[in-house]
Protein backbone atom coordinates (compact mmCIF):
# COMPACT_ATOMS: atom_id res chain seq x y z
CA UNK A 1 0.00 0.00 0.00
CA UNK A 2 1.46 3.38 -0.99
CA UNK A 3 1.82 6.21 1.56
CA UNK A 4 -0.95 8.15 -0.20
CA UNK A 5 -3.49 5.33 -0.25
CA UNK A 6 -6.18 4.90 2.35
CA UNK A 7 -7.74 1.74 3.70
CA UNK A 8 -11.41 1.91 4.63
CA UNK A 9 -11.80 0.96 8.31
CA UNK A 10 -13.65 -2.31 8.80
CA UNK A 11 -17.15 -2.04 10.23
CA UNK A 12 -16.90 -3.57 13.73
CA UNK A 13 -20.31 -5.16 13.17
CA UNK A 14 -19.78 -6.34 9.59
CA UNK A 15 -19.72 -9.99 10.63
CA UNK A 16 -21.74 -9.71 13.85
CA UNK A 17 -25.14 -11.22 14.55
CA UNK A 18 -27.46 -8.65 16.15
CA UNK A 19 -30.58 -9.59 18.07
CA UNK A 20 -32.91 -6.63 18.61
CA UNK A 21 -35.59 -7.25 21.22
CA UNK A 22 -38.31 -4.63 20.80
CA UNK A 23 -38.83 -2.59 17.65
CA UNK A 24 -40.99 0.34 18.74
CA UNK A 25 -40.07 3.99 18.24
CA UNK A 26 -36.48 3.76 19.44
CA UNK A 27 -35.85 0.18 18.34
CA UNK A 28 -37.20 1.02 14.90
CA UNK A 29 -35.03 4.14 14.67
CA UNK A 30 -31.96 2.13 15.59
CA UNK A 31 -32.76 -0.57 13.05
CA UNK A 32 -33.25 1.97 10.25
CA UNK A 33 -29.97 3.64 11.17
CA UNK A 34 -28.07 0.35 11.14
CA UNK A 35 -29.33 -0.53 7.69
CA UNK A 36 -28.47 2.94 6.38
CA UNK A 37 -24.95 2.59 7.72
CA UNK A 38 -24.32 -0.64 5.84
CA UNK A 39 -24.90 -3.28 8.51
CA UNK A 40 -26.23 -6.27 6.52
CA UNK A 41 -29.95 -6.82 6.97
CA UNK A 42 -29.38 -10.57 7.07
CA UNK A 43 -27.29 -10.19 10.23
CA UNK A 44 -30.19 -8.67 12.19
CA UNK A 45 -32.96 -10.59 13.93
CA UNK A 46 -35.87 -8.68 15.48
CA UNK A 47 -38.13 -10.09 18.18
CA UNK A 48 -41.33 -8.08 18.51
CA UNK A 49 -44.80 -9.59 18.85
CA UNK A 50 -46.57 -6.48 17.56
CA UNK A 51 -44.45 -5.66 14.49
CA UNK A 52 -46.41 -6.59 11.37
CA UNK A 53 -43.53 -6.39 8.93
CA UNK A 54 -39.80 -5.69 9.13
CA UNK A 55 -37.39 -4.19 6.58
CA UNK A 56 -36.42 -6.42 3.68
CA UNK A 57 -33.82 -9.00 4.62
CA UNK A 58 -34.26 -8.62 8.38
CA UNK A 59 -35.46 -11.73 10.14
CA UNK A 60 -38.61 -11.03 12.17
CA UNK A 61 -39.86 -13.28 14.96
CA UNK A 62 -42.90 -12.81 17.19
CA UNK A 63 -41.17 -14.62 20.06
CA UNK A 64 -37.92 -16.30 20.94
CA UNK A 65 -37.74 -19.40 18.80
CA UNK A 66 -35.36 -22.36 19.31
CA UNK A 67 -33.53 -21.71 16.03
CA UNK A 68 -32.27 -18.24 17.07
CA UNK A 69 -28.56 -18.61 17.71
CA UNK A 70 -26.62 -16.75 20.43
CA UNK A 71 -25.95 -13.27 19.02
CA UNK A 72 -22.80 -11.19 19.06
CA UNK A 73 -24.86 -8.24 20.29
CA UNK A 74 -28.17 -8.44 22.16
CA UNK A 75 -29.98 -5.08 22.12
CA UNK A 76 -32.76 -4.59 24.66
CA UNK A 77 -35.25 -1.97 23.46
CA UNK A 78 -38.44 -2.95 25.26
CA UNK A 79 -40.14 -1.08 28.06
CA UNK A 80 -38.10 -1.58 31.26
CA UNK A 81 -41.15 -3.03 33.01
CA UNK A 82 -40.92 -6.04 30.65
CA UNK A 83 -37.31 -6.94 31.41
CA UNK A 84 -38.12 -9.37 34.22
CA UNK A 85 -40.57 -11.19 31.94
CA UNK A 86 -38.31 -11.60 28.91
CA UNK A 87 -34.88 -11.98 30.52
CA UNK A 88 -35.21 -15.62 31.64
CA UNK A 89 -35.80 -16.85 28.08
CA UNK A 90 -33.10 -14.60 26.62
CA UNK A 91 -30.42 -15.33 29.22
CA UNK A 92 -29.56 -18.68 27.67
CA UNK A 93 -28.49 -16.84 24.48
CA UNK A 94 -26.20 -14.40 26.29
CA UNK A 95 -22.87 -16.07 26.93
CA UNK A 96 -19.40 -14.62 27.39
CA UNK A 97 -19.19 -13.73 23.68
CA UNK A 98 -22.41 -11.70 23.74
CA UNK A 99 -22.49 -7.98 24.47
CA UNK A 100 -25.69 -6.73 26.09
CA UNK A 101 -26.74 -3.24 24.94
CA UNK A 102 -29.61 -1.81 26.95
CA UNK A 103 -31.65 1.28 26.13
CA UNK A 104 -33.92 0.58 29.11
CA UNK A 105 -34.33 3.69 31.21
CA UNK A 106 -33.45 3.33 34.91
CA UNK A 107 -32.14 -0.24 34.60
CA UNK A 108 -28.69 -0.41 36.19
CA UNK A 109 -25.75 -2.67 35.43
CA UNK A 110 -26.42 -4.64 38.61
CA UNK A 111 -29.89 -5.49 37.32
CA UNK A 112 -28.63 -6.40 33.86
CA UNK A 113 -25.90 -8.61 35.34
CA UNK A 114 -28.47 -10.26 37.61
CA UNK A 115 -30.66 -11.06 34.60
CA UNK A 116 -27.78 -12.02 32.28
CA UNK A 117 -25.09 -13.45 34.57
CA UNK A 118 -23.08 -15.19 31.85
CA UNK A 119 -23.01 -12.29 29.37
CA UNK A 120 -19.81 -10.52 28.38
CA UNK A 121 -19.70 -6.73 28.10
CA UNK A 122 -22.61 -4.59 29.24
CA UNK A 123 -23.47 -1.22 27.70
CA UNK A 124 -26.16 1.22 28.81
CA UNK A 125 -27.33 3.66 26.15
CA UNK A 126 -29.49 6.76 26.51
CA UNK A 127 -30.60 7.93 23.06
CA UNK A 128 -33.17 10.66 22.52
CA UNK A 129 -36.05 11.23 20.12
CA UNK A 130 -34.17 13.07 17.32
CA UNK A 131 -32.31 9.79 16.80
CA UNK A 132 -35.29 8.91 14.60
CA UNK A 133 -34.02 11.42 12.01
CA UNK A 134 -30.30 10.83 12.61
CA UNK A 135 -29.94 14.03 14.65
CA UNK A 136 -29.99 12.64 18.17
CA UNK A 137 -27.35 12.26 20.84
CA UNK A 138 -26.74 8.99 22.64
CA UNK A 139 -24.81 8.73 25.87
CA UNK A 140 -23.06 5.43 26.49
CA UNK A 141 -21.45 3.83 29.53
CA UNK A 142 -19.90 0.38 29.66
CA UNK A 143 -19.03 -2.32 32.14
CA UNK A 144 -16.44 -5.02 31.43
CA UNK A 145 -15.94 -3.39 28.05
CA UNK A 146 -12.83 -3.57 25.88
CA UNK A 147 -11.89 -1.59 22.79
CA UNK A 148 -13.58 -4.04 20.44
CA UNK A 149 -16.88 -3.90 22.32
CA UNK A 150 -16.59 -0.13 22.55
CA UNK A 151 -16.22 0.06 18.77
CA UNK A 152 -19.25 -2.16 18.29
CA UNK A 153 -21.36 0.00 20.59
CA UNK A 154 -20.35 3.19 18.78
CA UNK A 155 -21.17 1.58 15.43
CA UNK A 156 -24.68 0.83 16.68
CA UNK A 157 -25.41 4.43 17.66
CA UNK A 158 -23.41 6.74 15.36
CA UNK A 159 -26.08 6.34 12.62
CA UNK A 160 -28.48 8.00 15.06
CA UNK A 161 -26.35 11.11 15.62
CA UNK A 162 -23.67 12.08 18.12
CA UNK A 163 -22.26 9.55 20.60
CA UNK A 164 -20.91 10.63 23.99
CA UNK A 165 -19.27 8.23 26.44
CA UNK A 166 -19.82 8.77 30.15
CA UNK A 167 -17.25 7.91 32.79
CA UNK A 168 -19.67 6.25 35.19
CA UNK A 169 -23.21 4.97 35.44
CA UNK A 170 -24.39 7.86 37.60
CA UNK A 171 -23.69 10.33 34.78
CA UNK A 172 -25.53 8.10 32.34
CA UNK A 173 -28.56 8.19 34.64
CA UNK A 174 -28.42 11.99 34.71
CA UNK A 175 -28.28 12.01 30.90
CA UNK A 176 -31.71 10.36 30.91
CA UNK A 177 -33.04 13.65 32.22
CA UNK A 178 -30.67 16.14 30.58
CA UNK A 179 -30.79 14.76 27.03
CA UNK A 180 -33.22 11.86 26.99
CA UNK A 181 -36.24 13.81 28.25
CA UNK A 182 -35.25 17.26 27.01
CA UNK A 183 -36.75 17.03 23.48
CA UNK A 184 -40.18 16.88 25.12
CA UNK A 185 -39.33 20.01 27.14
CA UNK A 186 -38.29 21.79 23.95
CA UNK A 187 -41.54 20.77 22.25
CA UNK A 188 -43.52 22.16 25.18
CA UNK A 189 -41.56 25.43 24.99
CA UNK A 190 -42.23 25.62 21.24
CA UNK A 191 -45.92 25.06 21.87
CA UNK A 192 -46.00 27.83 24.48
CA UNK A 193 -44.24 30.22 22.09
CA UNK A 194 -46.70 29.34 19.32
CA UNK A 195 -49.63 30.04 21.62
CA UNK A 196 -48.09 33.41 22.50
CA UNK A 197 -47.62 34.21 18.81
CA UNK A 198 -51.26 33.31 18.12
CA UNK A 199 -52.34 35.65 20.89
CA UNK A 200 -50.45 38.42 19.10
CA UNK A 201 -52.17 37.67 15.78
CA UNK A 202 -49.95 35.16 13.91
CA UNK A 203 -51.44 31.88 12.68
CA UNK A 204 -50.12 28.76 14.44
CA UNK A 205 -48.71 27.02 11.36
CA UNK A 206 -46.53 29.98 10.44
CA UNK A 207 -45.50 30.55 14.04
CA UNK A 208 -44.39 26.94 14.42
CA UNK A 209 -42.40 27.12 11.18
CA UNK A 210 -40.58 30.23 12.40
CA UNK A 211 -40.01 28.74 15.85
CA UNK A 212 -38.74 25.38 14.55
CA UNK A 213 -36.22 26.94 12.17
CA UNK A 214 -35.09 29.41 14.82
CA UNK A 215 -34.61 26.65 17.39
CA UNK A 216 -32.72 24.47 14.90
CA UNK A 217 -30.44 27.31 13.83
CA UNK A 218 -29.84 28.45 17.39
CA UNK A 219 -28.98 24.90 18.49
CA UNK A 220 -26.50 24.55 15.63
CA UNK A 221 -24.97 27.90 16.54
CA UNK A 222 -24.61 26.86 20.18
CA UNK A 223 -23.00 23.54 19.22
CA UNK A 224 -20.47 25.20 16.93
CA UNK A 225 -19.74 28.36 18.89
CA UNK A 226 -18.01 26.77 21.86
CA UNK A 227 -19.33 29.65 23.97
CA UNK A 228 -21.58 29.81 27.01
CA UNK A 229 -25.25 30.26 25.99
CA UNK A 230 -25.66 33.08 28.52
CA UNK A 231 -22.85 34.99 26.79
CA UNK A 232 -24.42 34.44 23.36
CA UNK A 233 -27.76 35.74 24.63
CA UNK A 234 -26.10 38.86 26.02
CA UNK A 235 -24.30 39.51 22.72
CA UNK A 236 -27.49 39.44 20.65
CA UNK A 237 -29.46 41.64 23.06
CA UNK A 238 -28.90 45.28 22.10
CA UNK A 239 -29.33 47.84 24.91
CA UNK A 240 -32.91 49.08 24.93
CA UNK A 241 -33.87 46.61 22.18
CA UNK A 242 -36.62 44.08 21.60
CA UNK A 243 -34.60 41.04 22.63
CA UNK A 244 -33.45 42.60 25.89
CA UNK A 245 -37.03 43.42 26.82
CA UNK A 246 -37.98 39.76 26.43
CA UNK A 247 -34.90 38.53 28.29
CA UNK A 248 -35.72 40.83 31.19
CA UNK A 249 -39.05 39.04 31.59
CA UNK A 250 -37.41 35.60 31.47
CA UNK A 251 -34.78 36.65 34.00
CA UNK A 252 -37.08 38.39 36.45
CA UNK A 253 -36.63 36.85 39.88
CA UNK A 254 -34.65 33.96 38.36
CA UNK A 255 -37.96 32.49 37.21
CA UNK A 256 -36.64 30.60 34.17
CA UNK A 257 -33.63 29.11 35.98
CA UNK A 258 -35.87 28.05 38.86
CA UNK A 259 -38.42 26.51 36.49
CA UNK A 260 -35.80 24.47 34.65
CA UNK A 261 -34.15 23.40 37.92
CA UNK A 262 -37.50 22.14 39.19
CA UNK A 263 -38.20 20.42 35.86
CA UNK A 264 -34.89 18.55 35.82
CA UNK A 265 -35.19 17.70 39.51
CA UNK A 266 -38.68 16.23 39.02
CA UNK A 267 -37.48 14.06 36.13
CA UNK A 268 -34.39 12.95 38.07
CA UNK A 269 -36.52 12.04 41.10
CA UNK A 270 -38.78 9.89 38.94
CA UNK A 271 -35.73 8.24 37.36
CA UNK A 272 -34.40 7.42 40.84
CA UNK A 273 -37.76 5.94 41.84
CA UNK A 274 -37.83 3.73 38.76
CA UNK A 275 -34.20 2.70 39.28
CA UNK A 276 -34.97 1.47 42.79
CA UNK A 277 -37.99 -0.41 41.46
CA UNK A 278 -35.93 -2.34 38.91
CA UNK A 279 -33.09 -3.37 41.24
CA UNK A 280 -32.71 -7.13 41.79
CA UNK A 281 -33.56 -6.94 45.48
CA UNK A 282 -36.84 -5.08 44.87
CA UNK A 283 -40.11 -6.90 45.36
CA UNK A 284 -40.91 -7.44 41.68
CA UNK A 285 -44.69 -7.44 41.76
CA UNK A 286 -45.16 -4.38 43.99
CA UNK A 287 -42.23 -2.48 42.55
CA UNK A 288 -43.31 -3.02 38.96
CA UNK A 289 -46.78 -1.73 39.85
CA UNK A 290 -45.44 1.78 40.58
CA UNK A 291 -43.79 1.99 37.15
CA UNK A 292 -46.99 1.46 35.20
């Protein structure tokens, strides 16, 4: 190979067998992203009792059948309340050569290891809704993970957007609130702004179009600027201008900061409650009841 030539890096999942359990909104987004990125459809098996039809070439099963072989990667994308029900039948497939990738909110490594004691590497992933259009961010944290498993995990989630590794499980739990739930908060803010625009005389469709493009552009600017958002806001607010008048209302009495602090705290508290409910030593029947 000459010094000027380049070798295309091998896809870490090119020869892997992937078993996706659950193909709802997030599972479906992941599957579509994998196929777009070049992961062979024939290497993916989906277990989902409610999915009528899968993408061409992907094997679809309503339940775990005896002819499903132990996978290289087992991706759990069901509701966390269902883990205790499905894990016993899946555990036999998860040996030392299988990496478990969980997108189950509030399910800790201790719970995953309890359910899959013989599995190899464990990865917790927190994607968010824009992953469905390839513009999401997924936080990852691993246990018993080597460079090869790390590469496989990144390959699973880079088609969905940005990947960010966390140093410990506690930070990954916080990401459930800070990035996982935040798209819904943004949608609620957009709705409130649209209602305000309607009250001032603009039709809702046009208001939402202006708001969506402004939010998208502002987010891109924040990501690329490398500056603190408070500094950017100050720079665009001319003394005595329209923007400054609006900012003064948002800043009055620290109302906006307090609202967001309470919002994040409420989400984090619920995440903690669910986490306790899914721990191995929890009373399964009673604890699962509070998550429904």
